[in-house]
Protein backbone atom coordinates (compact mmCIF):
# COMPACT_ATOMS: atom_id res chain seq x y z
CA UNK A 1 -61.25 41.12 35.10
CA UNK A 2 -57.73 38.63 35.13
CA UNK A 3 -58.30 38.28 38.82
CA UNK A 4 -61.91 37.12 38.62
CA UNK A 5 -61.04 35.03 35.45
CA UNK A 6 -58.19 32.50 37.11
CA UNK A 7 -59.47 32.79 40.53
CA UNK A 8 -63.74 31.57 40.03
CA UNK A 9 -62.99 29.13 37.23
CA UNK A 10 -66.60 28.08 37.22
CA UNK A 11 -68.03 31.28 35.49
CA UNK A 12 -67.52 32.12 31.84
CA UNK A 13 -70.30 35.48 31.56
CA UNK A 14 -69.57 38.51 33.22
CA UNK A 15 -73.67 39.88 32.84
CA UNK A 16 -73.79 43.79 34.33
CA UNK A 17 -76.49 46.43 33.68
CA UNK A 18 -76.11 50.42 33.60
CA UNK A 19 -76.40 53.48 31.80
CA UNK A 20 -75.67 55.01 29.16
CA UNK A 21 -73.26 57.11 31.38
CA UNK A 22 -70.97 54.15 32.28
CA UNK A 23 -71.39 51.90 29.14
CA UNK A 24 -67.72 53.54 27.82
CA UNK A 25 -66.17 52.89 31.18
CA UNK A 26 -66.22 49.02 30.76
CA UNK A 27 -66.02 48.71 26.78
CA UNK A 28 -62.36 49.96 28.14
CA UNK A 29 -62.45 46.61 29.88
CA UNK A 30 -63.99 44.06 27.42
CA UNK A 31 -67.44 44.13 28.57
CA UNK A 32 -70.56 43.96 25.23
CA UNK A 33 -73.82 45.23 24.71
CA UNK A 34 -76.60 42.64 25.39
CA UNK A 35 -78.68 44.51 24.91
CA UNK A 36 -80.01 48.37 25.87
CA UNK A 37 -84.15 49.45 27.36
CA UNK A 38 -84.78 53.26 26.70
CA UNK A 39 -86.04 54.67 29.88
CA UNK A 40 -85.08 51.41 31.34
CA UNK A 41 -84.23 52.13 34.76
CA UNK A 42 -86.12 56.09 34.59
CA UNK A 43 -86.55 58.58 32.18
CA UNK A 44 -82.74 59.98 31.04
CA UNK A 45 -81.77 56.85 32.39
CA UNK A 46 -81.01 54.29 29.29
CA UNK A 47 -80.84 50.18 30.78
CA UNK A 48 -77.79 48.83 29.26
CA UNK A 49 -77.24 45.10 29.67
CA UNK A 50 -73.66 44.43 28.74
CA UNK A 51 -71.00 40.74 29.53
CA UNK A 52 -68.18 40.06 29.40
CA UNK A 53 -66.62 36.95 28.34
CA UNK A 54 -64.04 35.68 30.39
CA UNK A 55 -62.70 33.00 28.51
CA UNK A 56 -60.41 36.03 26.78
CA UNK A 57 -58.81 36.44 29.45
CA UNK A 58 -58.23 32.27 30.43
CA UNK A 59 -56.52 32.53 26.91
CA UNK A 60 -54.22 35.80 27.70
CA UNK A 61 -55.53 37.88 24.61
CA UNK A 62 -55.89 41.36 24.59
CA UNK A 63 -58.18 43.06 25.87
CA UNK A 64 -58.79 45.39 22.58
CA UNK A 65 -58.89 41.44 21.15
CA UNK A 66 -61.65 40.81 23.94
CA UNK A 67 -64.56 43.34 22.12
CA UNK A 68 -64.28 40.82 19.29
CA UNK A 69 -67.62 38.58 20.18
CA UNK A 70 -66.87 34.91 19.53
CA UNK A 71 -68.88 31.26 20.41
CA UNK A 72 -67.55 28.07 20.81
CA UNK A 73 -68.05 24.90 22.27
CA UNK A 74 -66.70 23.49 25.23
CA UNK A 75 -64.89 21.00 23.16
CA UNK A 76 -62.92 24.08 21.00
CA UNK A 77 -62.12 25.19 23.90
CA UNK A 78 -60.51 23.07 25.19
CA UNK A 79 -58.79 22.52 22.55
CA UNK A 80 -57.82 25.72 21.97
CA UNK A 81 -56.19 25.90 25.27
CA UNK A 82 -53.80 22.84 24.56
CA UNK A 83 -52.19 23.88 21.15
CA UNK A 84 -51.52 27.14 23.48
C-alpha cells in the first residue's frame, strides 16, 4: 500500500468490494468497513464495501493507527504534512 500511496498522489482513498470471508485480510492492511449488504453477491455471500485512506501511508503512520478514522480538509492535511 505504501507503494500505491506514493506512486499515485492524485488518489486519496481505495475502495473495494469483498465478502465476509476475506474481510479480515483487508482489515489487517487498514481497510475500514463502510457498508454491508447481506447476500449482496449471492446467497451466503455478503457484499462488504471497504475503504482505505491513503493519507495515513503518506504521513508514515503505522497500519494499526490506520484503523482510526479521521476526516480532514485539504488545508488541515497540508498543515499536518508541513509540521512533520
